Amino acid sequence: MSEHHRSIWSDLTGASFTQGYLDAGGIKTRFISSGSPDKPLLLLLHGTGGHSEAYSRNFAAHGEHFWTVAIDLIGHGWSDKPGGSYEIADYGAHVLAVMDALGATRAHISGESLGGWVAAWIAVHHPQRVDRLVLNTAGGWTAHAEVMARIKRLSMEAVRDPSVERIRTRLEFLMHDTSKVNDDLVETRRAIYAQSGFPDIMEKILCLQDMETRQRNMFSDEETRGIASPTLVLWTSHDPTASPEEGKRIADLIPNARYEVMNGCGHWPQFEDPDKFNAIHLGFLLDA
């Protein structure tokens, strides 16, 4: 199938998967899962304004080894969108409630961008719940005003006018090779952003792009050094939010962390180069 006609469905043809909803502490939470519940649980957490389809190209490979569950974080995708706070502890509480709903005391947690920030928060504050940790171009350590302003502008333009052009522009921010943004991915996100009231929720979600709010949610060096879970810090050559050097600093602070850089990728390496991502990711998660 040509790249011009790629779709989420074609990504999932190699996977046995389920889409559904669960009750996570009163939050109706949408998920996509692959693999069976008798395998170790692997939670996949997307970034700001994202959704479970961020991992559509990873389910088949990971479902062979793990009960692989990607969720729509609170306020995101097709999950509930309450009117409360959207700081990192709120996302962390939601993910812990998801684990409880799945009957899991522990899980491997892999997060991209915002998802990595949330995963690290759980590793810092609830270390007993985390087996292995993957921080994929993760937030939580950097605060670049120009990047934050760009994310706010592109996100709000996309939800106020959820046209194909606006949605495509927001998704192209994530990719080094913008041709990877296919029509199906655009339509998937367009449907989410076109939900009634979504601009109001996006305003709340973007609180972490305000400097004062962001800084009070960031990790100190002491907290970072206290992460006890085996950790992979995965960065890219062209991440639009932070440099590989900044990613390396995070890895150097975490005891015995592994650091990898994927070349030719932006902010969604798991989607942009799934074969390489899956090899690196599974190599870490399965390393005895």
C-alpha atoms as a PDB file:
ATOM      1  CA  MET A   1       0.000   0.000   0.000  1.00  0.00           C
ATOM      2  CA  SER A   2       1.453   3.389  -0.920  1.00  0.00           C
ATOM      3  CA  GLU A   3       2.254   5.937   1.766  1.00  0.00           C
ATOM      4  CA  HIS A   4      -0.468   8.192   0.317  1.00  0.00           C
ATOM      5  CA  HIS A   5      -3.085   5.580   1.178  1.00  0.00           C
ATOM      6  CA  ARG A   6      -1.782   4.482   4.556  1.00  0.00           C
ATOM      7  CA  SER A   7      -4.393   4.215   7.272  1.00  0.00           C
ATOM      8  CA  ILE A   8      -4.717   3.244  10.892  1.00  0.00           C
ATOM      9  CA  TRP A   9      -6.553   0.142   9.701  1.00  0.00           C
ATOM     10  CA  SER A  10      -3.623  -0.917   7.559  1.00  0.00           C
ATOM     11  CA  ASP A  11      -1.341  -0.357  10.558  1.00  0.00           C
ATOM     12  CA  LEU A  12      -3.495  -2.701  12.650  1.00  0.00           C
ATOM     13  CA  THR A  13      -3.837  -5.538  10.130  1.00  0.00           C
ATOM     14  CA  GLY A  14      -1.041  -7.459  11.825  1.00  0.00           C
ATOM     15  CA  ALA A  15      -2.541  -7.176  15.301  1.00  0.00           C
ATOM     16  CA  SER A  16      -5.373  -8.835  17.168  1.00  0.00           C
ATOM     17  CA  PHE A  17      -6.745  -5.815  18.983  1.00  0.00           C
ATOM     18  CA  THR A  18      -9.688  -4.579  21.004  1.00  0.00           C
ATOM     19  CA  GLN A  19     -11.129  -1.104  21.383  1.00  0.00           C
ATOM     20  CA  GLY A  20     -13.282  -0.453  24.399  1.00  0.00           C
ATOM     21  CA  TYR A  21     -14.079   1.643  27.444  1.00  0.00           C
ATOM     22  CA  LEU A  22     -13.426   1.099  31.127  1.00  0.00           C
ATOM     23  CA  ASP A  23     -14.397   2.938  34.291  1.00  0.00           C
ATOM     24  CA  ALA A  24     -11.267   4.424  35.860  1.00  0.00           C
ATOM     25  CA  GLY A  25     -12.353   5.959  39.146  1.00  0.00           C
ATOM     26  CA  GLY A  26     -15.502   7.338  37.550  1.00  0.00           C
ATOM     27  CA  ILE A  27     -13.751   8.451  34.343  1.00  0.00           C
ATOM     28  CA  LYS A  28     -15.031   6.673  31.239  1.00  0.00           C
ATOM     29  CA  THR A  29     -11.729   5.844  29.586  1.00  0.00           C
ATOM     30  CA  ARG A  30     -11.273   4.685  26.026  1.00  0.00           C
ATOM     31  CA  PHE A  31      -8.518   2.183  25.244  1.00  0.00           C
ATOM     32  CA  ILE A  32      -7.033   0.099  22.459  1.00  0.00           C
ATOM     33  CA  SER A  33      -5.370  -3.138  23.522  1.00  0.00           C
ATOM     34  CA  SER A  34      -3.433  -5.978  21.968  1.00  0.00           C
ATOM     35  CA  GLY A  35      -2.123  -9.156  23.546  1.00  0.00           C
ATOM     36  CA  SER A  36      -3.713 -11.189  26.305  1.00  0.00           C
ATOM     37  CA  PRO A  37      -4.224 -10.280  29.983  1.00  0.00           C
ATOM     38  CA  ASP A  38      -2.110 -13.238  31.105  1.00  0.00           C
ATOM     39  CA  LYS A  39       0.969 -11.378  29.846  1.00  0.00           C
ATOM     40  CA  PRO A  40       2.752  -8.519  31.664  1.00  0.00           C
ATOM     41  CA  LEU A  41       0.888  -5.217  31.339  1.00  0.00           C
ATOM     42  CA  LEU A  42       2.410  -2.492  29.171  1.00  0.00           C
ATOM     43  CA  LEU A  43       0.666   0.886  29.295  1.00  0.00           C
ATOM     44  CA  LEU A  44       1.209   3.331  26.415  1.00  0.00           C
ATOM     45  CA  LEU A  45       0.540   7.015  27.115  1.00  0.00           C
ATOM     46  CA  HIS A  46       0.193   9.600  24.324  1.00  0.00           C
ATOM     47  CA  GLY A  47       1.118  13.295  24.290  1.00  0.00           C
ATOM     48  CA  THR A  48      -0.732  16.603  24.588  1.00  0.00           C
ATOM     49  CA  GLY A  49      -3.892  16.637  22.485  1.00  0.00           C
ATOM     50  CA  GLY A  50      -3.246  13.054  21.407  1.00  0.00           C
ATOM     51  CA  HIS A  51      -5.056   9.729  21.517  1.00  0.00           C
ATOM     52  CA  SER A  52      -4.458   5.978  21.450  1.00  0.00           C
ATOM     53  CA  GLU A  53      -3.905   5.871  17.690  1.00  0.00           C
ATOM     54  CA  ALA A  54      -0.475   7.387  18.315  1.00  0.00           C
ATOM     55  CA  TYR A  55       0.554   3.751  18.847  1.00  0.00           C
ATOM     56  CA  SER A  56      -1.294   2.164  15.922  1.00  0.00           C
ATOM     57  CA  ARG A  57       2.000   0.972  14.403  1.00  0.00           C
ATOM     58  CA  ASN A  58       3.228  -0.660  17.615  1.00  0.00           C
ATOM     59  CA  PHE A  59       0.373  -2.901  18.761  1.00  0.00           C
ATOM     60  CA  ALA A  60       1.212  -5.938  16.619  1.00  0.00           C
ATOM     61  CA  ALA A  61       4.858  -6.154  17.704  1.00  0.00           C
ATOM     62  CA  HIS A  62       4.181  -5.481  21.383  1.00  0.00           C
ATOM     63  CA  GLY A  63       1.043  -7.601  21.671  1.00  0.00           C
ATOM     64  CA  GLU A  64       3.175 -10.699  21.064  1.00  0.00           C
ATOM     65  CA  HIS A  65       4.962 -10.134  24.373  1.00  0.00           C
ATOM     66  CA  PHE A  66       2.742  -7.903  26.536  1.00  0.00           C
ATOM     67  CA  TRP A  67      -0.839  -7.092  27.380  1.00  0.00           C
ATOM     68  CA  THR A  68      -0.413  -3.815  25.552  1.00  0.00           C
ATOM     69  CA  VAL A  69      -2.941  -1.133  26.456  1.00  0.00           C
ATOM     70  CA  ALA A  70      -2.980   2.415  25.071  1.00  0.00           C
ATOM     71  CA  ILE A  71      -5.460   4.792  26.669  1.00  0.00           C
ATOM     72  CA  ASP A  72      -6.944   8.169  25.858  1.00  0.00           C
ATOM     73  CA  LEU A  73      -5.840  10.228  28.843  1.00  0.00           C
ATOM     74  CA  ILE A  74      -8.459  12.147  30.795  1.00  0.00           C
ATOM     75  CA  GLY A  75      -9.730  15.057  28.705  1.00  0.00           C
ATOM     76  CA  HIS A  76      -8.298  13.527  25.538  1.00  0.00           C
ATOM     77  CA  GLY A  77      -9.572  11.464  22.630  1.00  0.00           C
ATOM     78  CA  TRP A  78     -12.867   9.775  23.404  1.00  0.00           C
ATOM     79  CA  SER A  79     -12.362   9.582  27.171  1.00  0.00           C
ATOM     80  CA  ASP A  80     -14.402  11.709  29.602  1.00  0.00           C
ATOM     81  CA  LYS A  81     -13.580  15.406  29.766  1.00  0.00           C
ATOM     82  CA  PRO A  82     -14.429  16.709  33.248  1.00  0.00           C
ATOM     83  CA  GLY A  83     -14.033  20.388  33.999  1.00  0.00           C
ATOM     84  CA  GLY A  84     -11.428  20.110  36.750  1.00  0.00           C
ATOM     85  CA  SER A  85      -7.654  20.416  36.844  1.00  0.00           C
ATOM     86  CA  TYR A  86      -5.309  19.049  34.167  1.00  0.00           C
ATOM     87  CA  GLU A  87      -1.938  19.111  35.867  1.00  0.00           C
ATOM     88  CA  ILE A  88       0.435  16.153  36.000  1.00  0.00           C
ATOM     89  CA  ALA A  89      -0.842  14.744  39.303  1.00  0.00           C
ATOM     90  CA  ASP A  90      -4.369  14.670  37.807  1.00  0.00           C
ATOM     91  CA  TYR A  91      -3.184  12.636  34.829  1.00  0.00           C
ATOM     92  CA  GLY A  92      -1.176  10.415  37.140  1.00  0.00           C
ATOM     93  CA  ALA A  93      -4.233   9.702  39.280  1.00  0.00           C
ATOM     94  CA  HIS A  94      -6.165   8.785  36.142  1.00  0.00           C
ATOM     95  CA  VAL A  95      -3.500   6.321  34.986  1.00  0.00           C
ATOM     96  CA  LEU A  96      -3.331   4.716  38.436  1.00  0.00           C
ATOM     97  CA  ALA A  97      -7.124   4.355  38.348  1.00  0.00           C
ATOM     98  CA  VAL A  98      -6.817   2.685  34.933  1.00  0.00           C
ATOM     99  CA  MET A  99      -4.335   0.210  36.397  1.00  0.00           C
ATOM    100  CA  ASP A 100      -6.727  -0.493  39.257  1.00  0.00           C
ATOM    101  CA  ALA A 101      -9.583  -1.030  36.791  1.00  0.00           C
ATOM    102  CA  LEU A 102      -7.389  -3.487  34.872  1.00  0.00           C
ATOM    103  CA  GLY A 103      -6.586  -5.324  38.098  1.00  0.00           C
ATOM    104  CA  ALA A 104      -2.868  -4.518  37.820  1.00  0.00           C
ATOM    105  CA  THR A 105      -0.705  -3.612  40.796  1.00  0.00           C
ATOM    106  CA  ARG A 106       2.287  -2.961  38.515  1.00  0.00           C
ATOM    107  CA  ALA A 107       2.952  -2.246  34.856  1.00  0.00           C
ATOM    108  CA  HIS A 108       5.600  -1.272  32.384  1.00  0.00           C
ATOM    109  CA  ILE A 109       4.749   2.327  31.453  1.00  0.00           C
ATOM    110  CA  SER A 110       5.904   3.962  28.234  1.00  0.00           C
ATOM    111  CA  GLY A 111       4.935   7.555  27.560  1.00  0.00           C
ATOM    112  CA  GLU A 112       5.514   9.997  24.723  1.00  0.00           C
ATOM    113  CA  SER A 113       5.777  13.746  25.476  1.00  0.00           C
ATOM    114  CA  LEU A 114       3.020  14.480  28.041  1.00  0.00           C
ATOM    115  CA  GLY A 115       2.632  10.726  28.477  1.00  0.00           C
ATOM    116  CA  GLY A 116       6.294  10.429  29.451  1.00  0.00           C
ATOM    117  CA  TRP A 117       5.850  13.233  31.962  1.00  0.00           C
ATOM    118  CA  VAL A 118       2.930  11.348  33.521  1.00  0.00           C
ATOM    119  CA  ALA A 119       4.826   8.050  33.482  1.00  0.00           C
ATOM    120  CA  ALA A 120       7.779   9.648  35.254  1.00  0.00           C
ATOM    121  CA  TRP A 121       5.452  11.223  37.842  1.00  0.00           C
ATOM    122  CA  ILE A 122       4.130   7.774  38.695  1.00  0.00           C
ATOM    123  CA  ALA A 123       7.695   6.427  38.903  1.00  0.00           C
ATOM    124  CA  VAL A 124       8.636   9.261  41.285  1.00  0.00           C
ATOM    125  CA  HIS A 125       5.546   9.215  43.511  1.00  0.00           C
ATOM    126  CA  HIS A 126       4.333   5.601  43.220  1.00  0.00           C
ATOM    127  CA  PRO A 127       7.466   3.582  42.422  1.00  0.00           C
ATOM    128  CA  GLN A 128       5.856   0.348  43.536  1.00  0.00           C
ATOM    129  CA  ARG A 129       3.453   0.567  40.569  1.00  0.00           C
ATOM    130  CA  VAL A 130       6.135   0.756  37.843  1.00  0.00           C
ATOM    131  CA  ASP A 131       8.214  -2.077  36.442  1.00  0.00           C
ATOM    132  CA  ARG A 132      10.117  -0.629  33.478  1.00  0.00           C
ATOM    133  CA  LEU A 133       9.810   2.996  32.413  1.00  0.00           C
ATOM    134  CA  VAL A 134      10.187   4.494  28.927  1.00  0.00           C
ATOM    135  CA  LEU A 135      10.469   8.264  28.492  1.00  0.00           C
ATOM    136  CA  ASN A 136       9.900   8.986  24.799  1.00  0.00           C
ATOM    137  CA  THR A 137      10.691  12.664  23.998  1.00  0.00           C
ATOM    138  CA  ALA A 138       9.181  13.265  27.431  1.00  0.00           C
ATOM    139  CA  GLY A 139       8.077  16.514  29.011  1.00  0.00           C
ATOM    140  CA  GLY A 140       8.783  17.398  32.617  1.00  0.00           C
ATOM    141  CA  TRP A 141      12.323  18.748  32.438  1.00  0.00           C
ATOM    142  CA  THR A 142      12.329  21.587  29.892  1.00  0.00           C
ATOM    143  CA  ALA A 143      10.374  24.826  29.515  1.00  0.00           C
ATOM    144  CA  HIS A 144      11.066  26.645  26.257  1.00  0.00           C
ATOM    145  CA  ALA A 145       8.708  29.599  25.897  1.00  0.00           C
ATOM    146  CA  GLU A 146       8.765  29.556  22.091  1.00  0.00           C
ATOM    147  CA  VAL A 147       7.900  25.855  21.935  1.00  0.00           C
ATOM    148  CA  MET A 148       5.088  26.252  24.453  1.00  0.00           C
ATOM    149  CA  ALA A 149       3.651  29.200  22.529  1.00  0.00           C
ATOM    150  CA  ARG A 150       3.745  27.239  19.275  1.00  0.00           C
ATOM    151  CA  ILE A 151       1.969  24.242  20.803  1.00  0.00           C
ATOM    152  CA  LYS A 152      -0.726  26.506  22.251  1.00  0.00           C
ATOM    153  CA  ARG A 153      -1.255  28.342  18.976  1.00  0.00           C
ATOM    154  CA  LEU A 154      -1.387  25.246  16.746  1.00  0.00           C
ATOM    155  CA  SER A 155      -3.613  23.344  19.171  1.00  0.00           C
ATOM    156  CA  MET A 156      -6.140  26.112  19.685  1.00  0.00           C
ATOM    157  CA  GLU A 157      -6.294  26.884  15.950  1.00  0.00           C
ATOM    158  CA  ALA A 158      -7.009  23.198  15.307  1.00  0.00           C
ATOM    159  CA  VAL A 159      -9.846  22.900  17.840  1.00  0.00           C
ATOM    160  CA  ARG A 160     -11.464  26.238  17.021  1.00  0.00           C
ATOM    161  CA  ASP A 161     -11.419  25.414  13.310  1.00  0.00           C
ATOM    162  CA  PRO A 162     -11.115  21.607  13.016  1.00  0.00           C
ATOM    163  CA  SER A 163     -10.595  21.712   9.269  1.00  0.00           C
ATOM    164  CA  VAL A 164      -8.415  19.248   7.414  1.00  0.00           C
ATOM    165  CA  GLU A 165      -5.799  21.955   6.893  1.00  0.00           C
ATOM    166  CA  ARG A 166      -5.616  23.011  10.552  1.00  0.00           C
ATOM    167  CA  ILE A 167      -5.521  19.424  11.818  1.00  0.00           C
ATOM    168  CA  ARG A 168      -2.836  18.471   9.308  1.00  0.00           C
ATOM    169  CA  THR A 169      -0.712  21.438  10.378  1.00  0.00           C
ATOM    170  CA  ARG A 170      -0.997  20.399  14.046  1.00  0.00           C
ATOM    171  CA  LEU A 171       0.014  16.825  13.210  1.00  0.00           C
ATOM    172  CA  GLU A 172       2.877  17.943  10.992  1.00  0.00           C
ATOM    173  CA  PHE A 173       4.386  19.611  14.075  1.00  0.00           C
ATOM    174  CA  LEU A 174       4.972  16.086  15.383  1.00  0.00           C
ATOM    175  CA  MET A 175       6.798  14.682  12.363  1.00  0.00           C
ATOM    176  CA  HIS A 176      10.234  15.375  10.907  1.00  0.00           C
ATOM    177  CA  ASP A 177       9.038  13.992   7.548  1.00  0.00           C
ATOM    178  CA  THR A 178       5.621  15.613   7.237  1.00  0.00           C
ATOM    179  CA  SER A 179       4.588  13.180   4.474  1.00  0.00           C
ATOM    180  CA  LYS A 180       4.063  10.654   7.296  1.00  0.00           C
ATOM    181  CA  VAL A 181       0.873  12.531   8.214  1.00  0.00           C
ATOM    182  CA  ASN A 182      -1.678  10.494   6.261  1.00  0.00           C
ATOM    183  CA  ASP A 183      -5.295  11.365   5.524  1.00  0.00           C
ATOM    184  CA  ASP A 184      -6.667   8.734   7.889  1.00  0.00           C
ATOM    185  CA  LEU A 185      -4.685  10.075  10.830  1.00  0.00           C
ATOM    186  CA  VAL A 186      -5.915  13.590  10.015  1.00  0.00           C
ATOM    187  CA  GLU A 187      -9.538  12.445   9.946  1.00  0.00           C
ATOM    188  CA  THR A 188      -9.142  10.498  13.194  1.00  0.00           C
ATOM    189  CA  ARG A 189      -7.922  13.591  15.008  1.00  0.00           C
ATOM    190  CA  ARG A 190     -10.366  15.889  13.221  1.00  0.00           C
ATOM    191  CA  ALA A 191     -13.304  13.874  14.567  1.00  0.00           C
ATOM    192  CA  ILE A 192     -11.898  14.151  18.099  1.00  0.00           C
ATOM    193  CA  TYR A 193     -11.237  17.877  17.877  1.00  0.00           C
ATOM    194  CA  ALA A 194     -14.695  18.511  16.408  1.00  0.00           C
ATOM    195  CA  GLN A 195     -16.416  17.224  19.563  1.00  0.00           C
ATOM    196  CA  SER A 196     -18.777  19.703  21.197  1.00  0.00           C
ATOM    197  CA  GLY A 197     -17.009  21.798  23.837  1.00  0.00           C
ATOM    198  CA  PHE A 198     -13.537  20.581  22.902  1.00  0.00           C
ATOM    199  CA  PRO A 199     -12.010  24.096  22.665  1.00  0.00           C
ATOM    200  CA  ASP A 200     -12.826  24.664  26.343  1.00  0.00           C
ATOM    201  CA  ILE A 201     -11.167  21.385  27.321  1.00  0.00           C
ATOM    202  CA  MET A 202      -8.124  22.111  25.151  1.00  0.00           C
ATOM    203  CA  GLU A 203      -7.689  25.398  27.031  1.00  0.00           C
ATOM    204  CA  LYS A 204      -7.482  23.369  30.244  1.00  0.00           C
ATOM    205  CA  ILE A 205      -5.159  20.752  28.711  1.00  0.00           C
ATOM    206  CA  LEU A 206      -2.798  23.516  27.597  1.00  0.00           C
ATOM    207  CA  CYS A 207      -2.293  24.768  31.161  1.00  0.00           C
ATOM    208  CA  LEU A 208       1.085  23.011  31.113  1.00  0.00           C
ATOM    209  CA  GLN A 209       2.153  25.345  28.296  1.00  0.00           C
ATOM    210  CA  ASP A 210       1.852  28.288  30.710  1.00  0.00           C
ATOM    211  CA  MET A 211       5.260  28.914  32.277  1.00  0.00           C
ATOM    212  CA  GLU A 212       4.183  29.196  35.924  1.00  0.00           C
ATOM    213  CA  THR A 213       2.013  26.073  35.789  1.00  0.00           C
ATOM    214  CA  ARG A 214       4.632  24.143  33.862  1.00  0.00           C
ATOM    215  CA  GLN A 215       7.425  24.982  36.254  1.00  0.00           C
ATOM    216  CA  ARG A 216       5.524  23.844  39.331  1.00  0.00           C
ATOM    217  CA  ASN A 217       4.947  20.484  37.630  1.00  0.00           C
ATOM    218  CA  MET A 218       8.534  19.933  36.516  1.00  0.00           C
ATOM    219  CA  PHE A 219      10.897  17.448  38.141  1.00  0.00           C
ATOM    220  CA  SER A 220      13.809  18.501  40.279  1.00  0.00           C
ATOM    221  CA  ASP A 221      17.186  16.855  39.802  1.00  0.00           C
ATOM    222  CA  GLU A 222      16.703  15.191  43.193  1.00  0.00           C
ATOM    223  CA  GLU A 223      13.383  13.665  42.147  1.00  0.00           C
ATOM    224  CA  THR A 224      14.890  12.489  38.873  1.00  0.00           C
ATOM    225  CA  ARG A 225      17.836  10.843  40.615  1.00  0.00           C
ATOM    226  CA  GLY A 226      15.316   9.004  42.798  1.00  0.00           C
ATOM    227  CA  ILE A 227      13.681   7.122  39.899  1.00  0.00           C
ATOM    228  CA  ALA A 228      14.350   3.488  40.731  1.00  0.00           C
ATOM    229  CA  SER A 229      12.692   1.722  37.795  1.00  0.00           C
ATOM    230  CA  PRO A 230      14.890   0.503  34.949  1.00  0.00           C
ATOM    231  CA  THR A 231      14.505   3.364  32.490  1.00  0.00           C
ATOM    232  CA  LEU A 232      14.929   3.963  28.771  1.00  0.00           C
ATOM    233  CA  VAL A 233      15.184   7.604  27.702  1.00  0.00           C
ATOM    234  CA  LEU A 234      14.410   7.697  23.990  1.00  0.00           C
ATOM    235  CA  TRP A 235      15.033  10.895  22.044  1.00  0.00           C
ATOM    236  CA  THR A 236      15.195  11.907  18.404  1.00  0.00           C
ATOM    237  CA  SER A 237      17.477  13.929  16.161  1.00  0.00           C
ATOM    238  CA  HIS A 238      14.751  16.425  15.246  1.00  0.00           C
ATOM    239  CA  ASP A 239      12.467  16.610  18.279  1.00  0.00           C
ATOM    240  CA  PRO A 240      10.733  20.029  18.141  1.00  0.00           C
ATOM    241  CA  THR A 241      10.426  20.332  21.923  1.00  0.00           C
ATOM    242  CA  ALA A 242      13.932  19.616  23.247  1.00  0.00           C
ATOM    243  CA  SER A 243      17.374  18.725  21.928  1.00  0.00           C
ATOM    244  CA  PRO A 244      19.097  15.330  22.139  1.00  0.00           C
ATOM    245  CA  GLU A 245      21.508  16.940  24.607  1.00  0.00           C
ATOM    246  CA  GLU A 246      18.590  17.788  26.883  1.00  0.00           C
ATOM    247  CA  GLY A 247      17.363  14.219  26.600  1.00  0.00           C
ATOM    248  CA  LYS A 248      20.838  12.969  27.485  1.00  0.00           C
ATOM    249  CA  ARG A 249      20.858  15.099  30.628  1.00  0.00           C
ATOM    250  CA  ILE A 250      17.650  13.389  31.804  1.00  0.00           C
ATOM    251  CA  ALA A 251      19.186   9.976  31.195  1.00  0.00           C
ATOM    252  CA  ASP A 252      22.378  10.959  33.040  1.00  0.00           C
ATOM    253  CA  LEU A 253      20.348  11.926  36.122  1.00  0.00           C
ATOM    254  CA  ILE A 254      18.407   8.641  36.316  1.00  0.00           C
ATOM    255  CA  PRO A 255      20.488   5.841  37.822  1.00  0.00           C
ATOM    256  CA  ASN A 256      21.610   3.342  35.159  1.00  0.00           C
ATOM    257  CA  ALA A 257      19.198   4.702  32.546  1.00  0.00           C
ATOM    258  CA  ARG A 258      19.642   3.652  28.928  1.00  0.00           C
ATOM    259  CA  TYR A 259      19.757   6.443  26.345  1.00  0.00           C
ATOM    260  CA  GLU A 260      18.914   6.072  22.659  1.00  0.00           C
ATOM    261  CA  VAL A 261      18.520   8.593  19.845  1.00  0.00           C
ATOM    262  CA  MET A 262      16.458   7.818  16.740  1.00  0.00           C
ATOM    263  CA  ASN A 263      17.673   9.738  13.716  1.00  0.00           C
ATOM    264  CA  GLY A 264      15.336  11.216  11.120  1.00  0.00           C
ATOM    265  CA  CYS A 265      12.400  11.480  13.529  1.00  0.00           C
ATOM    266  CA  GLY A 266      10.571  14.305  15.267  1.00  0.00           C
ATOM    267  CA  HIS A 267       8.177  13.996  18.212  1.00  0.00           C
ATOM    268  CA  TRP A 268       6.413  10.732  17.281  1.00  0.00           C
ATOM    269  CA  PRO A 269       9.221   8.203  16.665  1.00  0.00           C
ATOM    270  CA  GLN A 270       6.912   5.292  17.458  1.00  0.00           C
ATOM    271  CA  PHE A 271       4.828   6.299  14.412  1.00  0.00           C
ATOM    272  CA  GLU A 272       7.503   7.799  12.168  1.00  0.00           C
ATOM    273  CA  ASP A 273       9.894   4.806  12.237  1.00  0.00           C
ATOM    274  CA  PRO A 274       7.953   1.972  13.884  1.00  0.00           C
ATOM    275  CA  ASP A 275      10.356  -0.816  12.935  1.00  0.00           C
ATOM    276  CA  LYS A 276      13.309   0.855  14.619  1.00  0.00           C
ATOM    277  CA  PHE A 277      11.212   2.040  17.555  1.00  0.00           C
ATOM    278  CA  ASN A 278       9.753  -1.422  18.119  1.00  0.00           C
ATOM    279  CA  ALA A 279      13.217  -2.984  18.044  1.00  0.00           C
ATOM    280  CA  ILE A 280      14.666  -0.508  20.551  1.00  0.00           C
ATOM    281  CA  HIS A 281      11.566  -0.493  22.763  1.00  0.00           C
ATOM    282  CA  LEU A 282      11.135  -4.270  22.903  1.00  0.00           C
ATOM    283  CA  GLY A 283      14.861  -4.778  23.306  1.00  0.00           C
ATOM    284  CA  PHE A 284      14.701  -2.699  26.480  1.00  0.00           C
ATOM    285  CA  LEU A 285      11.439  -4.093  27.838  1.00  0.00           C
ATOM    286  CA  LEU A 286      12.483  -7.726  27.285  1.00  0.00           C
ATOM    287  CA  ASP A 287      16.061  -7.346  28.502  1.00  0.00           C
ATOM    288  CA  ALA A 288      16.483  -9.754  31.385  1.00  0.00           C
END
